[in-house]
Amino acid sequence: MPAQATTASVEQVIFDGLAELGAAGEVSREATFEQLDVDSLDLGELAQIVEEEFGVELQGEDVKDLETVGQVIDLVVARAS
C-alpha cells in the first residue's frame, strides 16, 4: 500500500531521491533542475521513486514544463489527493 502523500512526506522522498541521483548543490523547493544538474533521465528515475512510494504515476509530459523541485512536490501531492 502506498504511503500517504503529505507535503512533508513527498518533500522528504523527493529531496532524498534527488540526493541519491547525485543532484549538484543544495536541494530545496526553490532549486531548479538546471541548478541541480538534473536531466530528463534523472527525472525519469525520480518519477519511478515517486510511483513506488506514493502510487502516483508521472509521465514525461507531466514534468516537462516543471522547473523547480517545489513544482514537482506540489504536483505529486495534488495527484495523490
C-alpha atoms as a PDB file:
ATOM      1  CA  MET A   1       0.000   0.000   0.000  1.00  0.00           C
ATOM      2  CA  PRO A   2       1.427   3.408  -0.957  1.00  0.00           C
ATOM      3  CA  ALA A   3       2.495   5.833   1.745  1.00  0.00           C
ATOM      4  CA  GLN A   4       0.290   8.826   2.483  1.00  0.00           C
ATOM      5  CA  ALA A   5       1.373  11.732   0.301  1.00  0.00           C
ATOM      6  CA  THR A   6       1.545  14.698   2.629  1.00  0.00           C
ATOM      7  CA  THR A   7       3.580  17.699   1.549  1.00  0.00           C
ATOM      8  CA  ALA A   8       6.240  16.854   4.139  1.00  0.00           C
ATOM      9  CA  SER A   9       6.493  13.179   3.162  1.00  0.00           C
ATOM     10  CA  VAL A  10       6.635  13.916  -0.570  1.00  0.00           C
ATOM     11  CA  GLU A  11       9.230  16.617   0.020  1.00  0.00           C
ATOM     12  CA  GLN A  12      11.403  14.206   2.001  1.00  0.00           C
ATOM     13  CA  VAL A  13      11.186  11.430  -0.596  1.00  0.00           C
ATOM     14  CA  ILE A  14      11.962  13.812  -3.473  1.00  0.00           C
ATOM     15  CA  PHE A  15      14.835  15.510  -1.613  1.00  0.00           C
ATOM     16  CA  ASP A  16      16.303  12.095  -0.733  1.00  0.00           C
ATOM     17  CA  GLY A  17      15.750  10.820  -4.266  1.00  0.00           C
ATOM     18  CA  LEU A  18      17.492  13.800  -5.835  1.00  0.00           C
ATOM     19  CA  ALA A  19      20.415  13.450  -3.441  1.00  0.00           C
ATOM     20  CA  GLU A  20      20.642   9.737  -4.315  1.00  0.00           C
ATOM     21  CA  LEU A  21      20.672  10.635  -8.017  1.00  0.00           C
ATOM     22  CA  GLY A  22      23.640  12.943  -7.424  1.00  0.00           C
ATOM     23  CA  ALA A  23      21.957  16.337  -7.646  1.00  0.00           C
ATOM     24  CA  ALA A  24      24.563  19.094  -7.642  1.00  0.00           C
ATOM     25  CA  GLY A  25      24.094  21.730  -4.968  1.00  0.00           C
ATOM     26  CA  GLU A  26      21.598  22.109  -2.180  1.00  0.00           C
ATOM     27  CA  VAL A  27      18.193  20.588  -2.823  1.00  0.00           C
ATOM     28  CA  SER A  28      15.357  22.938  -1.850  1.00  0.00           C
ATOM     29  CA  ARG A  29      11.826  23.684  -3.035  1.00  0.00           C
ATOM     30  CA  GLU A  30      13.134  26.731  -4.918  1.00  0.00           C
ATOM     31  CA  ALA A  31      16.015  24.898  -6.623  1.00  0.00           C
ATOM     32  CA  THR A  32      15.631  24.436 -10.367  1.00  0.00           C
ATOM     33  CA  PHE A  33      16.526  21.190 -12.079  1.00  0.00           C
ATOM     34  CA  GLU A  34      19.037  23.134 -14.152  1.00  0.00           C
ATOM     35  CA  GLN A  35      20.764  24.381 -10.965  1.00  0.00           C
ATOM     36  CA  LEU A  36      20.843  20.821  -9.629  1.00  0.00           C
ATOM     37  CA  ASP A  37      22.153  19.453 -12.934  1.00  0.00           C
ATOM     38  CA  VAL A  38      19.198  17.058 -13.111  1.00  0.00           C
ATOM     39  CA  ASP A  39      18.403  15.837 -16.619  1.00  0.00           C
ATOM     40  CA  SER A  40      15.423  14.028 -18.123  1.00  0.00           C
ATOM     41  CA  LEU A  41      16.873  10.603 -17.280  1.00  0.00           C
ATOM     42  CA  ASP A  42      17.194  11.641 -13.633  1.00  0.00           C
ATOM     43  CA  LEU A  43      13.607  12.906 -13.678  1.00  0.00           C
ATOM     44  CA  GLY A  44      12.504   9.546 -15.043  1.00  0.00           C
ATOM     45  CA  GLU A  45      14.218   7.770 -12.159  1.00  0.00           C
ATOM     46  CA  LEU A  46      12.679  10.239  -9.705  1.00  0.00           C
ATOM     47  CA  ALA A  47       9.241   9.514 -11.210  1.00  0.00           C
ATOM     48  CA  GLN A  48       9.813   5.789 -10.537  1.00  0.00           C
ATOM     49  CA  ILE A  49      10.703   6.529  -6.913  1.00  0.00           C
ATOM     50  CA  VAL A  50       7.534   8.627  -6.526  1.00  0.00           C
ATOM     51  CA  GLU A  51       5.372   5.906  -8.090  1.00  0.00           C
ATOM     52  CA  GLU A  52       6.831   3.204  -5.833  1.00  0.00           C
ATOM     53  CA  GLU A  53       6.464   5.309  -2.701  1.00  0.00           C
ATOM     54  CA  PHE A  54       3.110   7.033  -3.266  1.00  0.00           C
ATOM     55  CA  GLY A  55       1.444   5.221  -6.186  1.00  0.00           C
ATOM     56  CA  VAL A  56       1.440   8.429  -8.243  1.00  0.00           C
ATOM     57  CA  GLU A  57       2.433   7.917 -11.862  1.00  0.00           C
ATOM     58  CA  LEU A  58       4.250  10.807 -13.543  1.00  0.00           C
ATOM     59  CA  GLN A  59       4.822  10.788 -17.292  1.00  0.00           C
ATOM     60  CA  GLY A  60       7.332  12.845 -19.256  1.00  0.00           C
ATOM     61  CA  GLU A  61       4.509  15.135 -20.367  1.00  0.00           C
ATOM     62  CA  ASP A  62       3.633  15.795 -16.719  1.00  0.00           C
ATOM     63  CA  VAL A  63       7.055  17.080 -15.747  1.00  0.00           C
ATOM     64  CA  LYS A  64       8.476  18.535 -18.968  1.00  0.00           C
ATOM     65  CA  ASP A  65       7.358  22.096 -18.154  1.00  0.00           C
ATOM     66  CA  LEU A  66       8.185  21.972 -14.444  1.00  0.00           C
ATOM     67  CA  GLU A  67      11.301  23.870 -13.466  1.00  0.00           C
ATOM     68  CA  THR A  68      11.594  23.644  -9.685  1.00  0.00           C
ATOM     69  CA  VAL A  69      11.630  20.906  -7.083  1.00  0.00           C
ATOM     70  CA  GLY A  70       8.652  22.572  -5.370  1.00  0.00           C
ATOM     71  CA  GLN A  71       6.533  22.305  -8.522  1.00  0.00           C
ATOM     72  CA  VAL A  72       7.092  18.540  -8.636  1.00  0.00           C
ATOM     73  CA  ILE A  73       6.279  18.195  -4.925  1.00  0.00           C
ATOM     74  CA  ASP A  74       3.037  20.121  -5.396  1.00  0.00           C
ATOM     75  CA  LEU A  75       2.095  18.010  -8.444  1.00  0.00           C
ATOM     76  CA  VAL A  76       2.640  14.733  -6.574  1.00  0.00           C
ATOM     77  CA  VAL A  77       0.596  15.914  -3.570  1.00  0.00           C
ATOM     78  CA  ALA A  78      -2.231  17.113  -5.846  1.00  0.00           C
ATOM     79  CA  ARG A  79      -2.304  13.851  -7.812  1.00  0.00           C
ATOM     80  CA  ALA A  80      -2.277  11.731  -4.665  1.00  0.00           C
ATOM     81  CA  SER A  81      -5.316  13.503  -3.182  1.00  0.00           C
END
